[in-house]
Amino acid sequence: MANSTTEKAKAVPTETVSMMSVLAPAIGWLIPGAGHMIQKRWVRGGLLFISVVTLFLLGLAMQGRIYKANGGDILDMLGFVGDVGSGALYIVTLAMDWGQGAIAFATADYGTKFMIVAGLLNFISVADAYHIAIGKKQ
């Protein structure tokens, strides 16, 4: 019995973790598009940077509200996850105390959604940068 379990353990392929497979998603989360740029995907990285930053800044300009970590309503938690996806943009916004607009106007509500979508788009780009780094995607 002991031999069969050790044989099963040996049969499981182990993946080697390359530095790029860790670095690309981490940097890509912090700075949108940077995960692609460090892998020499300049156009894709630039387009992602422009898209995420533009969405986030438009959301701020429309007086959108940034979500903070709390244990409240499920929609607030989902909004927080979406906002955190923006990486450094979210951190700077919290540090500067921006994004405190009251959602009393339709434009502020749209702005809030723009910032959440920017974070979600950045999460998708982080996953894409990871798949490029491990060789699953070209």
C-alpha atoms as a PDB file:
ATOM      1  CA  MET A   1       0.000   0.000   0.000  1.00  0.00           C
ATOM      2  CA  ALA A   2       2.761   2.418   0.811  1.00  0.00           C
ATOM      3  CA  ASN A   3       4.271   1.870  -2.624  1.00  0.00           C
ATOM      4  CA  SER A   4       1.009   2.691  -4.419  1.00  0.00           C
ATOM      5  CA  THR A   5       0.634   6.034  -2.629  1.00  0.00           C
ATOM      6  CA  THR A   6       4.218   7.031  -3.320  1.00  0.00           C
ATOM      7  CA  GLU A   7       3.789   6.034  -6.952  1.00  0.00           C
ATOM      8  CA  LYS A   8       0.665   8.199  -7.186  1.00  0.00           C
ATOM      9  CA  ALA A   9       2.561  11.098  -5.661  1.00  0.00           C
ATOM     10  CA  LYS A  10       5.320  10.665  -8.209  1.00  0.00           C
ATOM     11  CA  ALA A  11       2.825  10.498 -11.069  1.00  0.00           C
ATOM     12  CA  VAL A  12       1.413  13.943 -10.313  1.00  0.00           C
ATOM     13  CA  PRO A  13       3.281  16.434 -12.477  1.00  0.00           C
ATOM     14  CA  THR A  14       4.792  19.315 -10.576  1.00  0.00           C
ATOM     15  CA  GLU A  15       4.954  22.698 -12.212  1.00  0.00           C
ATOM     16  CA  THR A  16       8.002  24.808 -11.746  1.00  0.00           C
ATOM     17  CA  VAL A  17       7.173  28.353 -10.791  1.00  0.00           C
ATOM     18  CA  SER A  18       9.113  30.813 -12.860  1.00  0.00           C
ATOM     19  CA  MET A  19       9.854  34.307 -11.651  1.00  0.00           C
ATOM     20  CA  MET A  20       7.855  35.789 -14.525  1.00  0.00           C
ATOM     21  CA  SER A  21       4.735  33.782 -13.604  1.00  0.00           C
ATOM     22  CA  VAL A  22       4.730  35.479 -10.192  1.00  0.00           C
ATOM     23  CA  LEU A  23       6.044  38.899 -11.190  1.00  0.00           C
ATOM     24  CA  ALA A  24       3.811  39.555 -14.218  1.00  0.00           C
ATOM     25  CA  PRO A  25       0.468  39.210 -12.394  1.00  0.00           C
ATOM     26  CA  ALA A  26       1.676  41.110  -9.325  1.00  0.00           C
ATOM     27  CA  ILE A  27       3.011  44.059 -11.292  1.00  0.00           C
ATOM     28  CA  GLY A  28       0.050  43.842 -13.674  1.00  0.00           C
ATOM     29  CA  TRP A  29      -2.352  44.241 -10.756  1.00  0.00           C
ATOM     30  CA  LEU A  30      -0.454  47.164  -9.260  1.00  0.00           C
ATOM     31  CA  ILE A  31       0.040  49.018 -12.551  1.00  0.00           C
ATOM     32  CA  PRO A  32      -2.545  48.133 -15.196  1.00  0.00           C
ATOM     33  CA  GLY A  33      -0.919  46.717 -18.330  1.00  0.00           C
ATOM     34  CA  ALA A  34       2.545  46.453 -16.772  1.00  0.00           C
ATOM     35  CA  GLY A  35       2.295  42.651 -16.571  1.00  0.00           C
ATOM     36  CA  HIS A  36       2.151  42.579 -20.345  1.00  0.00           C
ATOM     37  CA  MET A  37       4.787  45.258 -20.828  1.00  0.00           C
ATOM     38  CA  ILE A  38       7.433  43.368 -18.826  1.00  0.00           C
ATOM     39  CA  GLN A  39       6.796  40.449 -21.184  1.00  0.00           C
ATOM     40  CA  LYS A  40       7.388  42.722 -24.185  1.00  0.00           C
ATOM     41  CA  ARG A  41       3.706  42.854 -25.185  1.00  0.00           C
ATOM     42  CA  TRP A  42       3.869  46.619 -25.641  1.00  0.00           C
ATOM     43  CA  VAL A  43       0.681  47.240 -27.626  1.00  0.00           C
ATOM     44  CA  ARG A  44      -1.532  45.028 -25.469  1.00  0.00           C
ATOM     45  CA  GLY A  45      -0.045  46.465 -22.282  1.00  0.00           C
ATOM     46  CA  GLY A  46      -0.457  50.026 -23.506  1.00  0.00           C
ATOM     47  CA  LEU A  47      -4.059  49.470 -24.541  1.00  0.00           C
ATOM     48  CA  LEU A  48      -4.875  47.890 -21.194  1.00  0.00           C
ATOM     49  CA  PHE A  49      -3.196  50.739 -19.318  1.00  0.00           C
ATOM     50  CA  ILE A  50      -5.097  53.366 -21.284  1.00  0.00           C
ATOM     51  CA  SER A  51      -8.408  51.510 -20.919  1.00  0.00           C
ATOM     52  CA  VAL A  52      -8.224  50.856 -17.181  1.00  0.00           C
ATOM     53  CA  VAL A  53      -6.840  54.275 -16.251  1.00  0.00           C
ATOM     54  CA  THR A  54      -9.340  56.089 -18.478  1.00  0.00           C
ATOM     55  CA  LEU A  55     -12.297  54.173 -17.030  1.00  0.00           C
ATOM     56  CA  PHE A  56     -11.116  54.823 -13.479  1.00  0.00           C
ATOM     57  CA  LEU A  57     -10.407  58.521 -14.008  1.00  0.00           C
ATOM     58  CA  LEU A  58     -13.713  59.046 -15.804  1.00  0.00           C
ATOM     59  CA  GLY A  59     -15.419  57.421 -12.833  1.00  0.00           C
ATOM     60  CA  LEU A  60     -13.669  59.805 -10.463  1.00  0.00           C
ATOM     61  CA  ALA A  61     -14.514  62.778 -12.675  1.00  0.00           C
ATOM     62  CA  MET A  62     -18.194  61.762 -12.546  1.00  0.00           C
ATOM     63  CA  GLN A  63     -17.967  61.852  -8.727  1.00  0.00           C
ATOM     64  CA  GLY A  64     -18.226  58.097  -8.397  1.00  0.00           C
ATOM     65  CA  ARG A  65     -17.885  56.501  -4.983  1.00  0.00           C
ATOM     66  CA  ILE A  66     -15.032  54.179  -4.113  1.00  0.00           C
ATOM     67  CA  TYR A  67     -15.917  51.191  -1.948  1.00  0.00           C
ATOM     68  CA  LYS A  68     -13.977  50.442   1.220  1.00  0.00           C
ATOM     69  CA  ALA A  69     -13.544  47.109   2.987  1.00  0.00           C
ATOM     70  CA  ASN A  70     -16.449  46.376   5.281  1.00  0.00           C
ATOM     71  CA  GLY A  71     -18.596  43.465   6.335  1.00  0.00           C
ATOM     72  CA  GLY A  72     -21.843  45.064   5.242  1.00  0.00           C
ATOM     73  CA  ASP A  73     -24.058  44.524   2.271  1.00  0.00           C
ATOM     74  CA  ILE A  74     -23.069  41.922  -0.345  1.00  0.00           C
ATOM     75  CA  LEU A  75     -23.191  44.537  -3.106  1.00  0.00           C
ATOM     76  CA  ASP A  76     -20.764  46.732  -1.142  1.00  0.00           C
ATOM     77  CA  MET A  77     -18.377  43.784  -0.820  1.00  0.00           C
ATOM     78  CA  LEU A  78     -18.603  43.051  -4.543  1.00  0.00           C
ATOM     79  CA  GLY A  79     -18.015  46.729  -5.301  1.00  0.00           C
ATOM     80  CA  PHE A  80     -14.956  46.635  -3.052  1.00  0.00           C
ATOM     81  CA  VAL A  81     -13.551  43.614  -4.905  1.00  0.00           C
ATOM     82  CA  GLY A  82     -14.110  45.390  -8.220  1.00  0.00           C
ATOM     83  CA  ASP A  83     -12.428  48.573  -6.985  1.00  0.00           C
ATOM     84  CA  VAL A  84      -9.430  46.737  -5.493  1.00  0.00           C
ATOM     85  CA  GLY A  85      -8.765  45.299  -8.933  1.00  0.00           C
ATOM     86  CA  SER A  86      -7.565  48.728 -10.043  1.00  0.00           C
ATOM     87  CA  GLY A  87      -4.413  48.283  -7.966  1.00  0.00           C
ATOM     88  CA  ALA A  88      -2.408  51.455  -7.412  1.00  0.00           C
ATOM     89  CA  LEU A  89      -5.271  53.615  -8.674  1.00  0.00           C
ATOM     90  CA  TYR A  90      -7.413  52.347  -5.811  1.00  0.00           C
ATOM     91  CA  ILE A  91      -4.613  52.777  -3.261  1.00  0.00           C
ATOM     92  CA  VAL A  92      -3.910  56.357  -4.354  1.00  0.00           C
ATOM     93  CA  THR A  93      -7.623  57.187  -4.364  1.00  0.00           C
ATOM     94  CA  LEU A  94      -7.978  55.958  -0.785  1.00  0.00           C
ATOM     95  CA  ALA A  95      -4.809  57.750   0.338  1.00  0.00           C
ATOM     96  CA  MET A  96      -5.939  61.057  -1.194  1.00  0.00           C
ATOM     97  CA  ASP A  97      -9.489  60.594   0.163  1.00  0.00           C
ATOM     98  CA  TRP A  98     -11.016  60.889  -3.285  1.00  0.00           C
ATOM     99  CA  GLY A  99     -14.055  59.009  -4.503  1.00  0.00           C
ATOM    100  CA  GLN A 100     -16.297  60.005  -1.605  1.00  0.00           C
ATOM    101  CA  GLY A 101     -19.105  61.322  -3.812  1.00  0.00           C
ATOM    102  CA  ALA A 102     -22.642  60.698  -2.683  1.00  0.00           C
ATOM    103  CA  ILE A 103     -24.600  58.783  -5.273  1.00  0.00           C
ATOM    104  CA  ALA A 104     -27.360  61.371  -5.609  1.00  0.00           C
ATOM    105  CA  PHE A 105     -26.921  61.935  -9.327  1.00  0.00           C
ATOM    106  CA  ALA A 106     -27.087  59.497 -12.197  1.00  0.00           C
ATOM    107  CA  THR A 107     -23.600  60.494 -13.319  1.00  0.00           C
ATOM    108  CA  ALA A 108     -22.166  59.616  -9.898  1.00  0.00           C
ATOM    109  CA  ASP A 109     -23.772  56.190 -10.108  1.00  0.00           C
ATOM    110  CA  TYR A 110     -22.290  55.688 -13.580  1.00  0.00           C
ATOM    111  CA  GLY A 111     -18.921  56.869 -12.257  1.00  0.00           C
ATOM    112  CA  THR A 112     -19.037  54.278  -9.495  1.00  0.00           C
ATOM    113  CA  LYS A 113     -19.736  51.562 -12.052  1.00  0.00           C
ATOM    114  CA  PHE A 114     -16.918  52.825 -14.298  1.00  0.00           C
ATOM    115  CA  MET A 115     -14.413  52.416 -11.445  1.00  0.00           C
ATOM    116  CA  ILE A 116     -15.670  48.900 -10.658  1.00  0.00           C
ATOM    117  CA  VAL A 117     -15.453  47.896 -14.323  1.00  0.00           C
ATOM    118  CA  ALA A 118     -11.915  49.293 -14.493  1.00  0.00           C
ATOM    119  CA  GLY A 119     -10.909  46.992 -11.634  1.00  0.00           C
ATOM    120  CA  LEU A 120     -12.613  43.972 -13.164  1.00  0.00           C
ATOM    121  CA  LEU A 121     -10.927  44.636 -16.512  1.00  0.00           C
ATOM    122  CA  ASN A 122      -7.604  44.796 -14.701  1.00  0.00           C
ATOM    123  CA  PHE A 123      -8.296  41.433 -13.026  1.00  0.00           C
ATOM    124  CA  ILE A 124      -8.876  39.953 -16.477  1.00  0.00           C
ATOM    125  CA  SER A 125      -5.626  41.470 -17.737  1.00  0.00           C
ATOM    126  CA  VAL A 126      -3.761  40.037 -14.718  1.00  0.00           C
ATOM    127  CA  ALA A 127      -5.064  36.563 -15.586  1.00  0.00           C
ATOM    128  CA  ASP A 128      -4.030  37.115 -19.206  1.00  0.00           C
ATOM    129  CA  ALA A 129      -0.520  38.199 -18.165  1.00  0.00           C
ATOM    130  CA  TYR A 130      -0.239  35.082 -16.017  1.00  0.00           C
ATOM    131  CA  HIS A 131      -1.284  32.788 -18.857  1.00  0.00           C
ATOM    132  CA  ILE A 132       1.263  34.406 -21.146  1.00  0.00           C
ATOM    133  CA  ALA A 133       3.971  34.010 -18.484  1.00  0.00           C
ATOM    134  CA  ILE A 134       3.334  30.289 -18.020  1.00  0.00           C
ATOM    135  CA  GLY A 135       3.184  29.704 -21.762  1.00  0.00           C
ATOM    136  CA  LYS A 136      -0.516  28.819 -22.130  1.00  0.00           C
ATOM    137  CA  LYS A 137      -1.155  31.806 -24.378  1.00  0.00           C
ATOM    138  CA  GLN A 138       0.841  33.629 -27.004  1.00  0.00           C
END
